[in-house]
Amino acid sequence: MKLRYLKNVATLYLAVEKCIGCGRCAEVCPHRVFRVEEKKAKIEDRDSCMECGACARNCPVNAVTVKAGVGCAQAVIVGWLTGTEPTCDCSSGEACC
């Protein structure tokens, strides 16, 4: 079973023109969001990104950015861990997850 978060909410961005194809993003990503193809990283599945920030912290050329620990994915994880409803406040101040 592949863990999925909310569709089209991840803050993940890859600047392909900066990428040197080292593969560290693919190596450290716990959900296999990235793959390396033709010496460049590609985002395979953005909706699986949990915004942990491992990819961005390990990219030697800063080609990957993500707002780690923010957004709906983080709210969903905190909700699972605490047994509460997730509140990401992504729309008009109301819980939307």
N, C-alpha and C. Protein backbone atom coordinates (compact mmCIF):
# COMPACT_ATOMS: atom_id res chain seq x y z
N MET A 1 0.84 -1.18 0.00
CA MET A 1 0.00 0.00 0.00
C MET A 1 0.89 1.24 0.00
N LYS A 2 0.62 2.17 -0.89
CA LYS A 2 1.39 3.40 -0.98
C LYS A 2 0.66 4.50 -0.22
N LEU A 3 1.37 5.16 0.69
CA LEU A 3 0.79 6.23 1.48
C LEU A 3 0.60 7.47 0.63
N ARG A 4 -0.58 8.03 0.63
CA ARG A 4 -0.90 9.23 -0.15
C ARG A 4 -1.44 10.29 0.80
N TYR A 5 -1.14 11.51 0.49
CA TYR A 5 -1.66 12.62 1.28
C TYR A 5 -2.74 13.32 0.48
N LEU A 6 -2.90 14.57 0.65
CA LEU A 6 -3.93 15.30 -0.09
C LEU A 6 -3.42 15.71 -1.46
N LYS A 7 -4.27 15.68 -2.44
CA LYS A 7 -3.89 15.95 -3.82
C LYS A 7 -3.55 17.43 -4.02
N ASN A 8 -2.43 17.67 -4.69
CA ASN A 8 -1.99 19.01 -5.11
C ASN A 8 -1.80 20.02 -3.98
N VAL A 9 -1.29 19.59 -2.84
CA VAL A 9 -1.06 20.55 -1.76
C VAL A 9 0.41 20.63 -1.33
N ALA A 10 1.24 19.68 -1.73
CA ALA A 10 2.64 19.67 -1.29
C ALA A 10 3.37 20.91 -1.80
N THR A 11 4.26 21.44 -0.98
CA THR A 11 5.03 22.63 -1.32
C THR A 11 6.33 22.28 -2.04
N LEU A 12 6.50 21.05 -2.42
CA LEU A 12 7.71 20.55 -3.07
C LEU A 12 7.92 21.18 -4.44
N TYR A 13 9.18 21.62 -4.70
CA TYR A 13 9.54 22.19 -6.00
C TYR A 13 10.93 21.71 -6.38
N LEU A 14 11.11 21.34 -7.64
CA LEU A 14 12.40 20.92 -8.16
C LEU A 14 12.81 21.83 -9.30
N ALA A 15 13.95 22.51 -9.14
CA ALA A 15 14.50 23.35 -10.21
C ALA A 15 15.40 22.46 -11.07
N VAL A 16 14.81 21.88 -12.10
CA VAL A 16 15.50 20.90 -12.94
C VAL A 16 16.78 21.47 -13.54
N GLU A 17 16.79 22.75 -13.86
CA GLU A 17 17.98 23.36 -14.47
C GLU A 17 19.17 23.39 -13.51
N LYS A 18 18.93 23.34 -12.20
CA LYS A 18 20.02 23.31 -11.22
C LYS A 18 20.49 21.89 -10.92
N CYS A 19 19.64 20.91 -11.18
CA CYS A 19 19.90 19.52 -10.80
C CYS A 19 21.14 18.98 -11.51
N ILE A 20 22.00 18.28 -10.72
CA ILE A 20 23.20 17.65 -11.29
C ILE A 20 23.05 16.13 -11.39
N GLY A 21 21.89 15.62 -11.02
CA GLY A 21 21.62 14.19 -11.15
C GLY A 21 22.31 13.29 -10.16
N CYS A 22 22.67 13.81 -9.00
CA CYS A 22 23.39 13.00 -8.01
C CYS A 22 22.51 11.91 -7.39
N GLY A 23 21.21 12.12 -7.38
CA GLY A 23 20.28 11.12 -6.86
C GLY A 23 20.07 11.13 -5.37
N ARG A 24 20.64 12.10 -4.67
CA ARG A 24 20.47 12.13 -3.21
C ARG A 24 19.01 12.31 -2.81
N CYS A 25 18.26 13.10 -3.57
CA CYS A 25 16.84 13.31 -3.25
C CYS A 25 16.10 11.97 -3.29
N ALA A 26 16.35 11.18 -4.31
CA ALA A 26 15.70 9.87 -4.44
C ALA A 26 16.17 8.92 -3.34
N GLU A 27 17.42 9.04 -2.97
CA GLU A 27 18.01 8.17 -1.96
C GLU A 27 17.41 8.42 -0.57
N VAL A 28 17.18 9.69 -0.21
CA VAL A 28 16.74 10.00 1.15
C VAL A 28 15.23 10.12 1.31
N CYS A 29 14.50 10.19 0.22
CA CYS A 29 13.05 10.37 0.30
C CYS A 29 12.37 9.11 0.84
N PRO A 30 11.66 9.21 1.97
CA PRO A 30 11.04 8.02 2.54
C PRO A 30 9.85 7.49 1.72
N HIS A 31 9.31 8.29 0.82
CA HIS A 31 8.13 7.85 0.05
C HIS A 31 8.37 7.75 -1.44
N ARG A 32 9.64 7.74 -1.84
CA ARG A 32 10.01 7.56 -3.24
C ARG A 32 9.31 8.56 -4.17
N VAL A 33 9.34 9.81 -3.78
CA VAL A 33 8.74 10.87 -4.58
C VAL A 33 9.56 11.15 -5.84
N PHE A 34 10.88 10.93 -5.76
CA PHE A 34 11.79 11.26 -6.86
C PHE A 34 12.29 10.02 -7.59
N ARG A 35 12.70 10.23 -8.83
CA ARG A 35 13.48 9.24 -9.58
C ARG A 35 14.50 10.03 -10.39
N VAL A 36 15.59 9.39 -10.76
CA VAL A 36 16.61 10.03 -11.59
C VAL A 36 16.54 9.39 -12.97
N GLU A 37 16.40 10.24 -13.96
CA GLU A 37 16.28 9.78 -15.34
C GLU A 37 17.09 10.71 -16.23
N GLU A 38 17.93 10.13 -17.05
CA GLU A 38 18.78 10.91 -17.96
C GLU A 38 19.58 11.98 -17.23
N LYS A 39 20.17 11.57 -16.09
CA LYS A 39 21.04 12.43 -15.28
C LYS A 39 20.35 13.67 -14.71
N LYS A 40 19.04 13.59 -14.49
CA LYS A 40 18.27 14.66 -13.85
C LYS A 40 17.24 14.02 -12.94
N ALA A 41 17.00 14.64 -11.79
CA ALA A 41 15.93 14.18 -10.91
C ALA A 41 14.59 14.58 -11.51
N LYS A 42 13.60 13.78 -11.23
CA LYS A 42 12.23 14.07 -11.65
C LYS A 42 11.32 13.80 -10.46
N ILE A 43 10.27 14.57 -10.33
CA ILE A 43 9.29 14.30 -9.29
C ILE A 43 8.34 13.24 -9.84
N GLU A 44 8.39 12.07 -9.24
CA GLU A 44 7.59 10.93 -9.67
C GLU A 44 6.16 11.05 -9.16
N ASP A 45 6.00 11.45 -7.89
CA ASP A 45 4.67 11.47 -7.28
C ASP A 45 4.60 12.53 -6.18
N ARG A 46 4.32 13.76 -6.57
CA ARG A 46 4.27 14.88 -5.64
C ARG A 46 3.28 14.65 -4.49
N ASP A 47 2.17 13.99 -4.78
CA ASP A 47 1.15 13.78 -3.76
C ASP A 47 1.56 12.79 -2.67
N SER A 48 2.68 12.12 -2.84
CA SER A 48 3.20 11.25 -1.79
C SER A 48 4.17 11.99 -0.87
N CYS A 49 4.48 13.23 -1.20
CA CYS A 49 5.42 14.03 -0.39
C CYS A 49 4.79 14.37 0.95
N MET A 50 5.52 14.07 2.03
CA MET A 50 5.03 14.41 3.36
C MET A 50 5.72 15.66 3.91
N GLU A 51 6.45 16.33 3.04
CA GLU A 51 7.12 17.60 3.38
C GLU A 51 8.07 17.48 4.57
N CYS A 52 8.82 16.37 4.61
CA CYS A 52 9.77 16.18 5.71
C CYS A 52 11.02 17.04 5.52
N GLY A 53 11.36 17.36 4.27
CA GLY A 53 12.50 18.22 3.99
C GLY A 53 13.82 17.51 3.77
N ALA A 54 13.84 16.18 3.85
CA ALA A 54 15.10 15.44 3.68
C ALA A 54 15.72 15.70 2.32
N CYS A 55 14.91 15.77 1.28
CA CYS A 55 15.42 15.99 -0.07
C CYS A 55 16.12 17.34 -0.18
N ALA A 56 15.49 18.38 0.33
CA ALA A 56 16.05 19.73 0.25
C ALA A 56 17.33 19.84 1.08
N ARG A 57 17.33 19.25 2.26
CA ARG A 57 18.52 19.31 3.13
C ARG A 57 19.71 18.57 2.53
N ASN A 58 19.46 17.58 1.70
CA ASN A 58 20.54 16.76 1.15
C ASN A 58 20.92 17.11 -0.27
N CYS A 59 20.25 18.06 -0.90
CA CYS A 59 20.58 18.45 -2.27
C CYS A 59 21.80 19.37 -2.24
N PRO A 60 22.92 18.95 -2.85
CA PRO A 60 24.14 19.76 -2.79
C PRO A 60 24.09 21.05 -3.60
N VAL A 61 23.12 21.18 -4.50
CA VAL A 61 23.04 22.38 -5.35
C VAL A 61 21.74 23.17 -5.13
N ASN A 62 21.02 22.84 -4.06
CA ASN A 62 19.77 23.53 -3.71
C ASN A 62 18.75 23.55 -4.84
N ALA A 63 18.64 22.43 -5.55
CA ALA A 63 17.67 22.32 -6.63
C ALA A 63 16.28 21.96 -6.12
N VAL A 64 16.21 21.49 -4.88
CA VAL A 64 14.93 21.08 -4.29
C VAL A 64 14.56 22.03 -3.16
N THR A 65 13.32 22.47 -3.17
CA THR A 65 12.81 23.26 -2.06
C THR A 65 11.49 22.67 -1.61
N VAL A 66 11.24 22.77 -0.33
CA VAL A 66 9.99 22.32 0.27
C VAL A 66 9.86 23.03 1.61
N LYS A 67 8.66 23.43 1.93
CA LYS A 67 8.42 24.05 3.24
C LYS A 67 8.18 22.92 4.23
N ALA A 68 9.26 22.42 4.80
CA ALA A 68 9.19 21.27 5.69
C ALA A 68 8.36 21.59 6.93
N GLY A 69 7.50 20.65 7.29
CA GLY A 69 6.70 20.78 8.50
C GLY A 69 5.53 21.73 8.39
N VAL A 70 5.14 22.10 7.19
CA VAL A 70 3.97 22.96 7.02
C VAL A 70 3.00 22.29 6.06
N GLY A 71 1.84 22.85 5.95
CA GLY A 71 0.90 22.37 4.96
C GLY A 71 0.04 21.22 5.44
N CYS A 72 -0.77 20.75 4.53
CA CYS A 72 -1.76 19.73 4.84
C CYS A 72 -1.14 18.39 5.21
N ALA A 73 -0.06 18.01 4.53
CA ALA A 73 0.55 16.72 4.83
C ALA A 73 1.00 16.65 6.28
N GLN A 74 1.63 17.71 6.76
CA GLN A 74 2.07 17.76 8.15
C GLN A 74 0.87 17.72 9.08
N ALA A 75 -0.20 18.41 8.73
CA ALA A 75 -1.40 18.43 9.56
C ALA A 75 -2.03 17.04 9.64
N VAL A 76 -2.03 16.32 8.53
CA VAL A 76 -2.58 14.97 8.51
C VAL A 76 -1.75 14.06 9.41
N ILE A 77 -0.42 14.15 9.32
CA ILE A 77 0.46 13.31 10.14
C ILE A 77 0.26 13.60 11.62
N VAL A 78 0.21 14.87 11.99
CA VAL A 78 -0.01 15.24 13.39
C VAL A 78 -1.36 14.71 13.86
N GLY A 79 -2.38 14.81 13.01
CA GLY A 79 -3.69 14.27 13.35
C GLY A 79 -3.64 12.78 13.62
N TRP A 80 -2.92 12.03 12.75
CA TRP A 80 -2.78 10.59 12.96
C TRP A 80 -2.08 10.29 14.27
N LEU A 81 -1.01 11.03 14.55
CA LEU A 81 -0.21 10.76 15.74
C LEU A 81 -0.93 11.12 17.03
N THR A 82 -1.72 12.18 16.99
CA THR A 82 -2.39 12.64 18.20
C THR A 82 -3.83 12.17 18.32
N GLY A 83 -4.35 11.54 17.25
CA GLY A 83 -5.74 11.09 17.27
C GLY A 83 -6.74 12.21 17.16
N THR A 84 -6.30 13.34 16.59
CA THR A 84 -7.19 14.50 16.43
C THR A 84 -7.46 14.76 14.96
N GLU A 85 -8.41 15.61 14.69
CA GLU A 85 -8.68 16.00 13.32
C GLU A 85 -7.57 16.93 12.84
N PRO A 86 -7.07 16.74 11.63
CA PRO A 86 -6.03 17.63 11.11
C PRO A 86 -6.58 19.02 10.83
N THR A 87 -5.79 20.02 11.15
CA THR A 87 -6.16 21.40 10.85
C THR A 87 -4.98 22.08 10.19
N CYS A 88 -5.09 22.27 8.90
CA CYS A 88 -3.98 22.91 8.17
C CYS A 88 -4.29 24.36 7.85
N ASP A 89 -5.51 24.80 8.06
CA ASP A 89 -5.91 26.18 7.83
C ASP A 89 -5.53 26.65 6.43
N CYS A 90 -5.74 25.81 5.44
CA CYS A 90 -5.35 26.19 4.09
C CYS A 90 -6.42 26.92 3.32
N SER A 91 -7.59 27.04 3.88
CA SER A 91 -8.62 27.79 3.17
C SER A 91 -9.47 28.59 4.16
N SER A 92 -9.44 29.85 4.02
CA SER A 92 -10.26 30.80 4.79
C SER A 92 -10.31 30.54 6.29
N GLY A 93 -9.19 30.06 6.85
CA GLY A 93 -9.11 29.90 8.29
C GLY A 93 -9.86 28.71 8.83
N GLU A 94 -10.45 27.88 7.98
CA GLU A 94 -11.18 26.72 8.46
C GLU A 94 -10.37 25.46 8.25
N ALA A 95 -10.61 24.46 9.08
CA ALA A 95 -9.96 23.18 8.88
C ALA A 95 -10.45 22.61 7.55
N CYS A 96 -9.51 22.13 6.74
CA CYS A 96 -9.92 21.70 5.40
C CYS A 96 -9.45 20.31 5.06
N CYS A 97 -8.74 19.67 5.92
CA CYS A 97 -8.21 18.35 5.60
C CYS A 97 -9.27 17.32 5.92
